[in-house]
Protein backbone atom coordinates (compact mmCIF):
# COMPACT_ATOMS: atom_id res chain seq x y z
CA MET A 1 25.01 -7.52 -5.27
CA GLU A 2 22.27 -9.52 -6.98
CA ILE A 3 19.33 -7.30 -7.98
CA GLY A 4 15.97 -8.63 -9.09
CA VAL A 5 13.47 -6.84 -11.33
CA PRO A 6 10.13 -8.69 -11.40
CA ARG A 7 7.39 -8.06 -13.89
CA GLU A 8 4.64 -5.88 -12.38
CA THR A 9 1.35 -7.69 -11.72
CA LYS A 10 -1.00 -4.83 -10.83
CA ASP A 11 -3.78 -4.30 -13.37
CA GLN A 12 -2.31 -2.69 -16.50
CA GLU A 13 0.81 -1.61 -14.61
CA PHE A 14 3.19 -1.35 -17.53
CA ARG A 15 6.08 0.44 -15.83
CA VAL A 16 9.20 -1.50 -14.84
CA GLY A 17 11.52 -1.05 -11.87
CA LEU A 18 14.72 -0.58 -13.87
CA SER A 19 15.17 0.64 -17.43
CA PRO A 20 17.91 -0.83 -19.64
CA SER A 21 20.02 2.30 -19.15
CA SER A 22 19.81 1.88 -15.36
CA VAL A 23 20.74 -1.80 -15.72
CA ARG A 24 23.80 -0.79 -17.71
CA VAL A 25 24.96 1.55 -14.95
CA LEU A 26 24.51 -1.19 -12.35
CA SER A 27 26.24 -3.79 -14.54
CA GLU A 28 29.18 -1.46 -15.10
CA SER A 29 29.40 -1.20 -11.29
CA ARG A 30 29.77 -5.01 -11.21
CA HIS A 31 26.28 -5.78 -9.90
CA ALA A 32 24.29 -8.70 -11.31
CA VAL A 33 20.78 -7.77 -12.48
CA PHE A 34 18.10 -10.41 -13.06
CA VAL A 35 15.11 -9.20 -15.08
CA GLU A 36 11.96 -11.28 -15.45
CA ALA A 37 11.20 -11.99 -19.11
CA GLY A 38 8.86 -9.41 -20.58
CA ALA A 39 9.12 -7.08 -17.57
CA GLY A 40 9.78 -4.03 -19.72
CA ALA A 41 7.90 -5.01 -22.88
CA GLU A 42 4.88 -2.76 -22.35
CA ALA A 43 7.16 0.17 -21.56
CA GLY A 44 8.95 -0.31 -24.88
CA PHE A 45 12.01 -2.20 -23.58
CA THR A 46 12.69 -5.65 -25.03
CA ASP A 47 14.47 -8.54 -23.34
CA ASP A 48 17.30 -8.01 -25.84
CA ASP A 49 17.60 -4.40 -24.67
CA TYR A 50 18.19 -5.70 -21.16
CA ARG A 51 20.64 -8.38 -22.29
CA GLN A 52 22.69 -5.79 -24.17
CA ALA A 53 22.70 -3.67 -21.01
CA GLY A 54 24.17 -6.58 -19.05
CA ALA A 55 21.12 -8.15 -17.42
CA GLN A 56 20.29 -11.81 -17.18
CA ILE A 57 16.74 -12.60 -18.35
CA VAL A 58 14.94 -15.12 -16.13
CA SER A 59 11.75 -16.90 -17.14
CA GLN A 60 10.14 -17.37 -13.72
CA PRO A 61 9.12 -14.60 -11.29
CA GLU A 62 10.77 -16.35 -8.34
CA SER A 63 14.12 -16.12 -10.14
CA ALA A 64 13.79 -12.33 -10.13
CA TRP A 65 12.41 -12.17 -6.58
CA ASN A 66 14.99 -14.46 -4.98
CA ARG A 67 17.67 -11.74 -4.83
CA GLU A 68 19.26 -9.57 -2.15
CA LEU A 69 17.68 -6.39 -3.55
CA VAL A 70 14.34 -6.32 -5.38
CA VAL A 71 13.47 -3.15 -7.30
CA LYS A 72 9.84 -2.68 -8.33
CA VAL A 73 7.38 0.07 -9.15
CA LYS A 74 4.26 -0.87 -7.19
CA GLU A 75 3.62 -2.66 -3.92
CA PRO A 76 3.63 -6.48 -3.87
CA LEU A 77 0.18 -7.97 -4.41
CA GLN A 78 -1.03 -10.95 -2.40
CA PRO A 79 0.11 -13.61 -4.94
CA GLU A 80 3.61 -12.13 -4.60
CA TYR A 81 3.74 -12.31 -0.80
CA LYS A 82 5.29 -15.80 -1.00
CA PHE A 83 8.39 -14.34 -2.68
CA LEU A 84 9.24 -11.97 0.20
CA GLN A 85 11.88 -13.27 2.58
CA LYS A 86 13.85 -12.36 5.65
CA GLY A 87 16.96 -10.25 5.03
CA GLN A 88 15.78 -9.09 1.62
CA LEU A 89 15.75 -5.41 0.60
CA LEU A 90 12.57 -4.30 -1.16
CA PHE A 91 12.63 -0.91 -2.90
CA THR A 92 9.32 0.25 -4.39
CA TYR A 93 6.21 2.35 -3.84
CA LEU A 94 4.33 0.90 -0.86
CA HIS A 95 1.66 3.36 0.40
CA LEU A 96 1.20 1.21 3.49
CA ALA A 97 -1.27 3.57 5.18
CA ALA A 98 -3.93 2.28 2.81
CA ASP A 99 -2.94 -1.42 3.04
CA ARG A 100 -2.96 -3.08 6.44
CA ALA A 101 -2.66 -6.61 5.02
CA LEU A 102 0.59 -5.79 3.21
CA THR A 103 1.93 -3.98 6.25
CA GLU A 104 1.30 -7.02 8.44
CA HIS A 105 2.94 -9.38 5.94
CA LEU A 106 6.05 -7.22 5.55
CA ILE A 107 6.43 -7.25 9.33
CA ASP A 108 5.90 -11.01 9.55
CA CYS A 109 8.27 -12.04 6.76
CA GLY A 110 11.25 -9.97 7.96
CA VAL A 111 11.92 -8.05 4.76
CA THR A 112 13.43 -4.56 4.91
CA ALA A 113 10.95 -2.44 2.96
CA VAL A 114 12.03 0.96 1.69
CA ALA A 115 9.22 3.03 0.17
CA TYR A 116 9.90 5.45 -2.66
CA GLU A 117 7.20 7.80 -1.39
CA THR A 118 8.79 8.35 2.03
CA VAL A 119 12.41 8.84 0.93
CA GLU A 120 12.89 12.41 2.09
CA GLN A 121 15.79 14.78 1.67
CA ASP A 122 17.00 16.68 4.75
CA GLY A 123 16.60 20.41 4.92
CA ASN A 124 13.97 20.94 2.24
CA ASN A 125 11.47 18.12 3.00
CA ARG A 126 11.55 17.14 -0.69
CA LEU A 127 10.24 13.72 -1.68
CA PRO A 128 12.52 13.11 -4.65
CA LEU A 129 11.12 9.70 -5.63
CA LEU A 130 7.49 10.74 -5.36
CA MET A 131 7.92 13.94 -7.35
CA PRO A 132 8.34 12.53 -10.89
CA MET A 133 5.23 10.37 -10.62
CA SER A 134 3.33 13.22 -8.95
CA ILE A 135 4.14 15.42 -11.93
CA ILE A 136 2.82 12.77 -14.32
CA ALA A 137 -0.25 11.97 -12.20
CA GLY A 138 -1.14 15.66 -11.94
CA ARG A 139 -0.95 16.12 -15.68
CA LEU A 140 -2.86 12.91 -16.37
CA ALA A 141 -5.58 13.87 -13.87
CA VAL A 142 -6.77 16.65 -16.16
CA GLN A 143 -6.23 14.58 -19.29
CA PHE A 144 -8.38 11.75 -17.90
CA GLY A 145 -10.86 14.19 -16.39
CA ALA A 146 -11.39 15.86 -19.75
CA ARG A 147 -11.94 12.47 -21.34
CA PHE A 148 -14.52 11.30 -18.82
CA LEU A 149 -16.40 14.59 -19.08
CA GLU A 150 -17.29 13.45 -22.60
CA ARG A 151 -20.91 12.36 -22.83
CA GLN A 152 -20.01 8.96 -24.30
CA GLN A 153 -17.93 8.29 -21.16
CA GLY A 154 -20.77 9.19 -18.79
CA GLY A 155 -19.79 12.83 -18.28
CA ARG A 156 -21.70 16.10 -18.65
CA GLY A 157 -20.47 16.67 -22.19
CA VAL A 158 -18.34 19.66 -21.18
CA LEU A 159 -15.29 20.79 -23.17
CA LEU A 160 -12.88 22.12 -20.52
CA GLY A 161 -11.55 24.85 -22.78
CA GLY A 162 -14.97 25.98 -23.95
CA VAL A 163 -15.39 27.80 -27.27
CA PRO A 164 -16.08 31.44 -28.13
CA GLY A 165 -19.54 32.22 -26.82
CA VAL A 166 -19.66 29.24 -24.42
CA ARG A 167 -18.09 29.31 -20.97
CA PRO A 168 -15.17 26.91 -20.32
CA GLY A 169 -15.35 24.13 -17.78
CA LYS A 170 -14.42 24.68 -14.15
CA VAL A 171 -11.63 22.65 -12.54
CA VAL A 172 -11.34 22.62 -8.73
CA ILE A 173 -8.11 21.23 -7.29
CA LEU A 174 -7.80 20.26 -3.63
CA GLY A 175 -4.13 20.64 -2.75
CA GLY A 176 -1.46 22.88 -4.20
CA GLY A 177 1.52 20.53 -4.02
CA VAL A 178 3.25 18.96 -7.00
CA VAL A 179 0.14 17.07 -8.20
CA GLY A 180 -2.10 20.10 -7.84
CA THR A 181 0.37 22.45 -9.50
CA GLU A 182 0.84 20.17 -12.50
CA ALA A 183 -2.91 19.59 -12.81
CA ALA A 184 -3.45 23.35 -12.82
CA ARG A 185 -0.74 23.81 -15.43
CA ILE A 186 -2.53 21.48 -17.85
CA ALA A 187 -6.02 22.79 -17.03
CA VAL A 188 -4.91 26.38 -17.61
CA GLY A 189 -3.30 25.33 -20.87
CA MET A 190 -6.62 23.83 -21.96
CA GLY A 191 -8.37 27.10 -21.20
CA ALA A 192 -10.39 25.95 -18.19
CA VAL A 193 -11.38 28.09 -15.21
CA VAL A 194 -9.15 26.80 -12.40
CA GLN A 195 -9.33 27.08 -8.61
CA ILE A 196 -6.74 25.65 -6.21
CA LEU A 197 -7.34 25.22 -2.49
CA ASP A 198 -4.51 24.69 -0.01
CA VAL A 199 -3.99 25.10 3.73
CA SER A 200 -0.56 26.70 3.30
CA VAL A 201 -0.60 30.43 2.70
CA GLU A 202 3.08 30.20 1.82
CA ARG A 203 2.31 27.66 -0.91
CA LEU A 204 -0.54 29.79 -2.24
CA SER A 205 1.84 32.76 -2.42
CA TYR A 206 4.29 30.66 -4.42
CA LEU A 207 1.54 29.53 -6.78
CA GLU A 208 0.65 33.17 -7.41
CA THR A 209 4.16 33.67 -8.78
CA VAL A 210 3.62 30.66 -11.06
CA PHE A 211 0.12 31.36 -12.34
CA GLY A 212 -0.57 34.99 -11.59
CA SER A 213 -4.25 35.79 -12.15
CA ARG A 214 -4.85 32.73 -14.37
CA VAL A 215 -5.73 30.60 -11.32
CA GLU A 216 -7.92 31.52 -8.36
CA LEU A 217 -6.02 30.61 -5.19
CA LEU A 218 -8.12 29.97 -2.09
CA TYR A 219 -7.39 29.01 1.49
CA SER A 220 -8.77 25.55 2.15
CA ASN A 221 -11.32 24.99 4.88
CA SER A 222 -14.63 23.13 5.05
CA ALA A 223 -16.72 26.23 4.35
CA GLN A 224 -14.66 27.12 1.26
CA ILE A 225 -14.81 23.55 -0.02
CA GLU A 226 -18.58 23.42 0.46
CA ALA A 227 -18.95 26.70 -1.42
CA ILE A 228 -17.05 25.80 -4.59
CA VAL A 229 -17.16 22.01 -5.07
CA PRO A 230 -20.81 21.85 -6.27
CA ALA A 231 -19.98 24.08 -9.26
CA ALA A 232 -16.96 22.03 -10.37
CA ASP A 233 -17.11 20.21 -13.68
CA LEU A 234 -13.89 18.42 -12.74
CA LEU A 235 -12.79 17.96 -9.12
CA ILE A 236 -9.22 16.76 -8.55
CA GLY A 237 -8.07 15.40 -5.20
CA ALA A 238 -4.37 16.23 -4.85
CA VAL A 239 -3.86 15.95 -1.09
CA LEU A 240 -0.72 14.42 0.41
CA VAL A 241 0.04 13.75 4.06
CA LEU A 242 3.41 11.98 4.19
CA GLY A 243 3.02 8.31 5.06
CA ARG A 244 -0.56 8.72 6.31
CA LYS A 245 -4.06 8.29 4.97
CA ALA A 246 -5.44 11.30 3.16
CA PRO A 247 -8.06 13.25 5.12
CA ILE A 248 -11.65 13.19 3.85
CA LEU A 249 -12.23 16.71 2.55
CA VAL A 250 -15.33 16.05 0.44
CA PRO A 251 -18.06 14.17 2.33
CA ARG A 252 -20.74 12.13 0.62
CA GLN A 253 -23.44 14.77 1.01
CA LEU A 254 -21.26 17.32 -0.79
CA VAL A 255 -20.69 14.94 -3.70
CA SER A 256 -24.48 14.63 -4.01
CA ARG A 257 -24.66 18.41 -4.57
CA MET A 258 -22.42 18.23 -7.66
CA ARG A 259 -24.11 18.32 -11.04
CA PRO A 260 -24.87 14.98 -12.72
CA GLY A 261 -22.06 14.01 -15.06
CA SER A 262 -19.41 15.98 -13.20
CA VAL A 263 -16.12 14.09 -12.75
CA ILE A 264 -13.95 13.43 -9.72
CA VAL A 265 -10.34 12.29 -10.18
CA ASP A 266 -8.82 11.48 -6.78
CA VAL A 267 -5.05 11.16 -7.13
CA ALA A 268 -4.89 10.60 -3.36
CA VAL A 269 -6.72 7.28 -3.72
CA ASP A 270 -3.49 5.34 -3.15
CA GLN A 271 -3.46 6.89 0.32
CA GLY A 272 -7.14 6.20 0.93
CA GLY A 273 -8.56 9.15 -1.03
CA CYS A 274 -9.84 12.56 0.07
CA VAL A 275 -13.38 12.09 -1.28
CA GLU A 276 -15.68 9.96 0.86
CA THR A 277 -17.43 8.28 -2.07
CA MET A 278 -14.17 7.33 -3.80
CA HIS A 279 -12.85 3.79 -3.87
CA THR A 280 -10.00 2.22 -5.79
CA THR A 281 -10.59 1.39 -9.44
CA SER A 282 -8.26 0.06 -12.15
CA HIS A 283 -7.12 0.89 -15.66
CA THR A 284 -9.36 -1.91 -16.92
CA HIS A 285 -12.42 -0.50 -15.11
CA PRO A 286 -11.39 3.08 -14.31
CA THR A 287 -14.70 4.70 -13.37
CA TYR A 288 -18.03 4.21 -11.66
CA ILE A 289 -20.97 6.53 -11.07
CA GLU A 290 -22.24 7.41 -7.61
CA ALA A 291 -24.71 10.19 -6.83
CA GLY A 292 -24.72 10.86 -10.57
CA VAL A 293 -21.01 11.81 -10.50
CA VAL A 294 -18.29 9.98 -12.44
CA HIS A 295 -15.58 8.74 -10.05
CA TYR A 296 -12.05 7.89 -11.27
CA GLY A 297 -9.89 6.17 -8.65
CA VAL A 298 -6.99 4.46 -10.43
CA PRO A 299 -4.07 4.34 -7.95
CA ASN A 300 -1.34 3.78 -10.55
CA MET A 301 -2.21 6.49 -13.05
CA PRO A 302 1.34 6.87 -14.45
CA GLY A 303 1.14 3.23 -15.57
CA ALA A 304 -0.87 4.55 -18.51
CA VAL A 305 2.28 6.20 -19.92
CA PRO A 306 4.95 3.61 -19.04
CA TRP A 307 7.61 4.68 -21.55
CA THR A 308 7.69 8.19 -20.10
CA ALA A 309 7.02 7.19 -16.50
CA THR A 310 9.66 4.43 -16.25
CA GLN A 311 12.42 6.73 -17.45
CA ALA A 312 11.27 9.62 -15.27
CA LEU A 313 11.17 7.34 -12.22
CA ASN A 314 14.59 5.81 -12.96
CA ASN A 315 16.16 9.25 -13.32
CA SER A 316 15.33 9.75 -9.65
CA THR A 317 15.64 6.24 -8.20
CA LEU A 318 18.92 5.12 -9.77
CA PRO A 319 21.25 7.00 -7.36
CA TYR A 320 19.47 5.37 -4.43
CA VAL A 321 19.47 1.93 -6.07
CA LEU A 322 23.23 2.32 -6.50
CA GLN A 323 23.61 3.20 -2.83
CA LEU A 324 21.66 0.10 -1.79
CA ALA A 325 23.54 -2.10 -4.27
CA ASN A 326 26.96 -0.80 -3.24
CA PHE A 327 26.47 -0.78 0.52
CA GLY A 328 23.43 -2.95 1.27
CA MET A 329 21.87 -2.37 4.69
CA LYS A 330 24.73 -0.01 5.59
CA ALA A 331 23.27 2.50 3.10
CA LEU A 332 20.27 2.89 5.39
CA ALA A 333 22.55 4.06 8.18
CA THR A 334 24.69 6.41 6.11
CA ASP A 335 22.14 7.96 3.74
CA SER A 336 19.60 9.98 5.72
CA ALA A 337 17.12 10.20 2.83
CA LEU A 338 17.09 6.41 2.42
CA ALA A 339 16.81 6.00 6.18
CA LYS A 340 13.57 7.99 6.14
CA GLY A 341 12.32 5.72 3.39
CA VAL A 342 12.46 2.62 5.60
CA ASN A 343 8.93 1.56 6.53
CA VAL A 344 9.51 -1.96 7.86
CA GLN A 345 12.71 -3.52 9.22
CA ASN A 346 13.61 -6.46 11.47
CA HIS A 347 9.95 -7.51 11.86
CA ARG A 348 9.01 -4.00 13.02
CA LEU A 349 6.99 -1.13 11.60
CA VAL A 350 9.44 1.76 11.93
CA HIS A 351 8.14 4.73 9.92
CA PRO A 352 6.57 7.22 12.38
CA ALA A 353 3.73 8.32 10.09
CA VAL A 354 2.69 4.76 9.27
CA GLN A 355 2.94 3.88 12.97
CA GLN A 356 0.30 6.53 13.65
CA VAL A 357 -2.03 4.83 11.18
CA PHE A 358 -1.46 1.36 12.68
CA PRO A 359 -0.49 2.00 16.33
CA ASP A 360 -1.21 -1.62 17.26
CA LEU A 361 1.48 -2.76 14.81
CA ALA A 362 4.11 -0.32 16.07
CA ASN A 363 5.18 -2.34 19.12
């Protein structure tokens, strides 16, 4: 099969769909891989690295896009819509619940769109292609939060770990999944006071085995959120509802009760965000201030660490890329995890969760 790897066009998105080591595996399996020139440069992979792995380097984006299977990292942006075509397999993060325009175009053009974030393994409900980036995003959420708490960045001037004689900063995490767990791991390591809220008592019990008494674990409801959010130095949104928009857990009036210079990092922003005052930002312009609070809403946080993130993503995606390359559309019928990843096929919106977001597009 011919596989295309375009250069990412999202603001400061430096990851790349396939690493040279993944290209080598595909080449050894007799697949032809076409990589757009410079696609891996910012992740530390040169065009020569790809050539040595067996790829052909193409100078124009259409030469990478015009293939049976296109492997990316992030969703196509509007200037890329013209490259999508009927019968093509697109394998990437899509997050369609937050992007009606892309959803409509995927339906119209006839592409088969398989989203990393909805590939789901049977039996354990694991999201194997979302997990590696969730780990990175969770860890970065605290790293970025600590940075924007610095006074020069608009923050309160709080050191999360504190010092002897001065209390540490308080980190409140909404959601105890992979993102929330990894955020807590870093925040605890920094010495911050950490609280996690989640609606699953079972998950909270698990987190107790991970963190013991180092993290305060609370059942999430509106009263609990209202009670603890105003005291947070750093609030992290780590909510995930598979394939759907994130619920608004922190309304505007609650944000206004936070102390000036506090920081909100909403990792759920790629699914619409769980904080009402949050809107999408970019690596170039990562923050804005509303109600005196610093808001960070970059939807592609792992793009900040592309060398690590590309390899972590490929470790998980490569087996599925091989399935698609070896068997094409048949892989979607034989691999149940890939089948759950299909969002759009044959001019139809087929993923149940996304259908609930756009019921008028589901017919």
